Protein backbone atom coordinates (compact mmCIF):
# COMPACT_ATOMS: atom_id res chain seq x y z
CA MET A 1 -182.76 -73.43 137.29
CA SER A 2 -182.22 -74.40 140.87
CA LYS A 3 -185.09 -75.77 142.90
CA TYR A 4 -183.76 -74.08 146.04
CA TYR A 5 -182.91 -70.67 144.64
CA PRO A 6 -185.13 -69.70 141.72
CA VAL A 7 -183.16 -67.60 139.26
CA ASP A 8 -184.55 -66.06 136.10
CA GLU A 9 -182.94 -66.51 132.68
CA VAL A 10 -181.46 -63.00 132.52
CA THR A 11 -179.65 -63.45 135.83
CA MET A 12 -178.31 -66.84 134.71
CA PHE A 13 -177.08 -65.31 131.46
CA VAL A 14 -175.28 -62.53 133.35
CA LEU A 15 -173.74 -64.98 135.82
CA ASN A 16 -172.60 -67.32 133.05
CA HIS A 17 -171.04 -64.50 131.01
CA ALA A 18 -169.66 -62.23 133.74
CA PHE A 19 -166.09 -63.23 132.86
CA LEU A 20 -166.47 -61.45 129.51
CA VAL A 21 -166.33 -58.01 131.16
CA PRO A 22 -162.73 -58.24 132.45
CA VAL A 23 -161.63 -60.07 129.30
CA GLY A 24 -163.18 -57.32 127.19
CA LEU A 25 -161.49 -54.62 129.25
CA VAL A 26 -158.09 -56.28 128.90
CA LEU A 27 -158.59 -56.57 125.14
CA LEU A 28 -159.70 -52.94 124.92
CA PHE A 29 -156.61 -51.78 126.85
CA ALA A 30 -154.37 -53.95 124.66
CA VAL A 31 -155.84 -52.55 121.43
CA ILE A 32 -155.52 -48.93 122.63
CA GLY A 33 -151.94 -49.54 123.74
CA LEU A 34 -151.02 -51.39 120.56
CA TRP A 35 -152.49 -48.56 118.50
CA LYS A 36 -150.17 -46.03 120.17
CA MET A 37 -147.18 -48.41 120.06
CA PHE A 38 -147.73 -49.01 116.34
CA VAL A 39 -147.79 -45.27 115.70
CA LYS A 40 -144.50 -44.87 117.62
CA ALA A 41 -142.97 -47.67 115.56
CA GLY A 42 -144.02 -46.06 112.27
CA GLU A 43 -147.01 -48.29 111.51
CA LYS A 44 -150.63 -47.25 111.02
CA GLY A 45 -152.49 -47.29 114.34
CA TRP A 46 -155.74 -48.71 112.92
CA LYS A 47 -153.91 -51.98 112.21
CA ALA A 48 -154.23 -52.74 115.93
CA LEU A 49 -157.95 -53.35 115.35
CA ILE A 50 -157.46 -56.27 112.94
CA PRO A 51 -156.97 -59.64 114.70
CA GLY A 52 -153.97 -61.52 113.38
CA LEU A 53 -152.46 -58.46 111.72
CA ASN A 54 -151.98 -56.79 115.09
CA ILE A 55 -150.11 -59.84 116.39
CA TYR A 56 -147.96 -59.96 113.25
CA LEU A 57 -147.08 -56.28 113.63
CA LEU A 58 -146.16 -56.82 117.27
CA PHE A 59 -143.76 -59.55 116.12
CA LYS A 60 -142.48 -57.24 113.36
CA ILE A 61 -141.83 -54.40 115.83
CA ALA A 62 -139.92 -56.88 117.96
CA GLY A 63 -137.92 -58.07 114.93
CA GLU A 64 -139.26 -61.61 115.34
CA THR A 65 -141.19 -62.26 112.11
CA ARG A 66 -139.70 -65.74 111.77
CA LEU A 67 -140.95 -66.52 115.26
CA PHE A 68 -144.44 -65.42 114.15
CA VAL A 69 -144.43 -68.15 111.50
CA LYS A 70 -143.45 -70.71 114.15
CA VAL A 71 -146.30 -69.59 116.43
CA VAL A 72 -148.77 -69.87 113.55
CA ILE A 73 -147.50 -73.40 112.87
CA ASP A 74 -147.87 -74.23 116.58
CA MET A 75 -151.47 -73.01 116.53
CA ALA A 76 -152.20 -75.02 113.38
CA ILE A 77 -150.83 -78.17 115.03
CA ILE A 78 -152.98 -77.54 118.10
CA LEU A 79 -156.07 -77.12 115.91
CA ILE A 80 -155.28 -80.29 113.96
CA ALA A 81 -154.75 -82.22 117.22
CA PHE A 82 -158.15 -81.12 118.53
CA VAL A 83 -159.87 -82.00 115.24
CA VAL A 84 -158.23 -85.44 115.11
CA GLY A 85 -159.13 -86.12 118.75
CA THR A 86 -162.74 -85.03 118.25
CA VAL A 87 -163.20 -86.95 114.99
CA SER A 88 -161.68 -90.13 116.45
CA ALA A 89 -164.00 -89.94 119.44
CA ARG A 90 -167.06 -89.49 117.21
CA VAL A 91 -166.09 -92.15 114.68
CA MET A 92 -164.77 -94.82 117.03
CA GLY A 93 -166.97 -94.12 120.03
CA ASN A 94 -165.70 -95.15 123.45
CA SER A 95 -163.12 -97.64 122.21
CA ASP A 96 -159.62 -97.95 123.62
CA THR A 97 -158.14 -96.79 120.33
CA ALA A 98 -160.22 -93.61 120.34
CA SER A 99 -159.20 -92.96 123.94
CA ALA A 100 -155.52 -93.44 123.06
CA ILE A 101 -155.78 -91.12 120.04
CA ASP A 102 -157.61 -88.54 122.13
CA MET A 103 -154.95 -88.75 124.85
CA ILE A 104 -152.06 -88.43 122.38
CA THR A 105 -153.62 -85.47 120.58
CA GLY A 106 -154.40 -83.81 123.91
CA ILE A 107 -150.79 -84.15 125.02
CA ALA A 108 -149.56 -82.83 121.66
CA ALA A 109 -151.90 -79.84 121.90
CA PHE A 110 -150.73 -79.11 125.45
CA VAL A 111 -147.04 -79.30 124.50
CA PHE A 112 -147.45 -77.05 121.46
CA ALA A 113 -149.52 -74.59 123.52
CA LEU A 114 -146.65 -74.38 126.03
CA VAL A 115 -144.17 -73.83 123.21
CA ALA A 116 -146.37 -71.06 121.78
CA VAL A 117 -146.62 -69.37 125.19
CA VAL A 118 -142.82 -69.45 125.60
CA ARG A 119 -142.44 -67.92 122.15
CA LEU A 120 -144.94 -65.19 122.98
CA ILE A 121 -143.02 -64.42 126.17
CA LYS A 122 -139.83 -64.14 124.09
CA VAL A 123 -141.59 -61.66 121.79
CA ASN A 124 -142.50 -59.50 124.80
CA ALA A 125 -138.82 -59.44 125.74
CA SER A 126 -137.95 -58.34 122.21
CA VAL A 127 -140.70 -55.69 122.22
CA ALA A 128 -139.32 -54.30 125.49
CA ALA A 129 -135.83 -54.21 123.96
CA SER A 130 -137.16 -52.52 120.81
CA PHE A 131 -138.43 -49.67 122.96
CA GLY A 132 -135.20 -49.53 124.99
CA LEU A 133 -136.86 -50.99 128.08
CA GLY A 134 -135.34 -53.39 130.56
CA VAL A 135 -136.25 -56.50 132.48
CA MET A 136 -138.90 -54.96 134.73
CA TRP A 137 -140.83 -53.65 131.73
CA PHE A 138 -140.59 -57.07 130.11
CA ILE A 139 -142.04 -58.70 133.24
CA PHE A 140 -144.90 -56.20 133.28
CA MET A 141 -145.53 -56.87 129.56
CA VAL A 142 -145.94 -60.56 130.36
CA ILE A 143 -148.12 -60.08 133.45
CA LEU A 144 -150.21 -57.03 132.41
CA PRO A 145 -149.77 -56.58 128.66
CA GLY A 146 -152.73 -54.26 128.05
CA ILE A 147 -151.78 -51.75 130.72
CA THR A 148 -148.08 -51.91 129.88
CA TYR A 149 -148.79 -51.36 126.18
CA ILE A 150 -150.83 -48.26 127.10
CA VAL A 151 -148.02 -46.88 129.28
CA VAL A 152 -145.42 -47.52 126.56
CA GLY A 153 -147.68 -46.12 123.85
CA PHE A 154 -148.63 -42.91 125.66
CA SER A 155 -145.29 -42.19 127.38
CA LYS A 156 -143.37 -39.23 125.97
CA LYS A 157 -140.08 -40.55 127.39
CA ILE A 158 -140.20 -44.00 125.80
CA LYS A 159 -139.09 -43.99 122.16
CA TYR A 160 -139.05 -46.78 119.60
CA ILE A 161 -135.45 -47.75 118.93
CA GLY A 162 -136.02 -50.80 116.77
CA PRO A 163 -135.28 -54.49 116.99
CA ASP A 164 -131.52 -53.95 116.78
CA ALA A 165 -131.32 -52.14 120.13
CA GLY A 166 -128.11 -52.79 122.00
CA PRO A 167 -127.19 -52.46 125.69
CA GLU A 168 -126.23 -48.81 125.22
CA ASP A 169 -129.86 -48.03 124.26
CA PHE A 170 -131.32 -49.20 127.58
CA GLU A 171 -131.80 -45.90 129.38
CA ASN A 172 -135.45 -45.97 130.41
CA ASP A 173 -135.08 -47.94 133.62
CA GLU A 174 -131.50 -47.23 134.72
CA PRO A 175 -131.41 -47.38 138.52
CA GLU A 176 -130.00 -44.50 140.52
CA GLY A 177 -127.80 -44.77 143.57
CA SER A 178 -125.13 -47.04 145.00
CA ARG A 179 -127.00 -50.32 144.59
CA PHE A 180 -125.03 -51.24 141.47
CA THR A 181 -121.51 -50.16 142.44
CA ASN A 182 -119.96 -53.62 142.69
CA PRO A 183 -116.63 -53.32 140.81
CA TYR A 184 -116.98 -56.87 139.43
CA THR A 185 -120.43 -56.45 137.91
CA SER A 186 -122.40 -53.52 136.65
CA TYR A 187 -126.00 -52.88 135.78
CA LYS A 188 -125.12 -53.10 132.07
CA ASP A 189 -124.06 -56.75 132.58
CA PHE A 190 -127.62 -57.79 133.38
């Protein structure tokens, strides 16, 4: 409570948890979109509701199940690094050794988190390719996954091709006009 601006407990609770509303909306959009995408890919839609399984199925749709195992290992290493850092700080107190261990585990957690994010971005590229979508769709999947999943899931034009999609399957965002008429390169080269 502030001595200058008296605020009741309910208002403080709302202010401290206001970020949960947009996070909840993004998760809701993602689950709805994943449900429809799973149905298009031949999976049961209700599997989008189960945490962990929905991520695995997204990797499966993208044809990246081996990458899923690597991301799980990355997350396990991050968890272990945080546990080791926390335990060392509690057991050793404010010693130099505890600080060094905490710093090393923090750096390890940061590095493995970056690796996991890069792998998740790669999966979005593979998901876009599995639905025959191009680079712009991939970028939208990275920036606004929930909304993009809904558009892909509910669109009648976008079909699931599978993880073995080749360049000839990319028809959903073919540009029109003379922009790509350079005789040395074509749109298919990108």
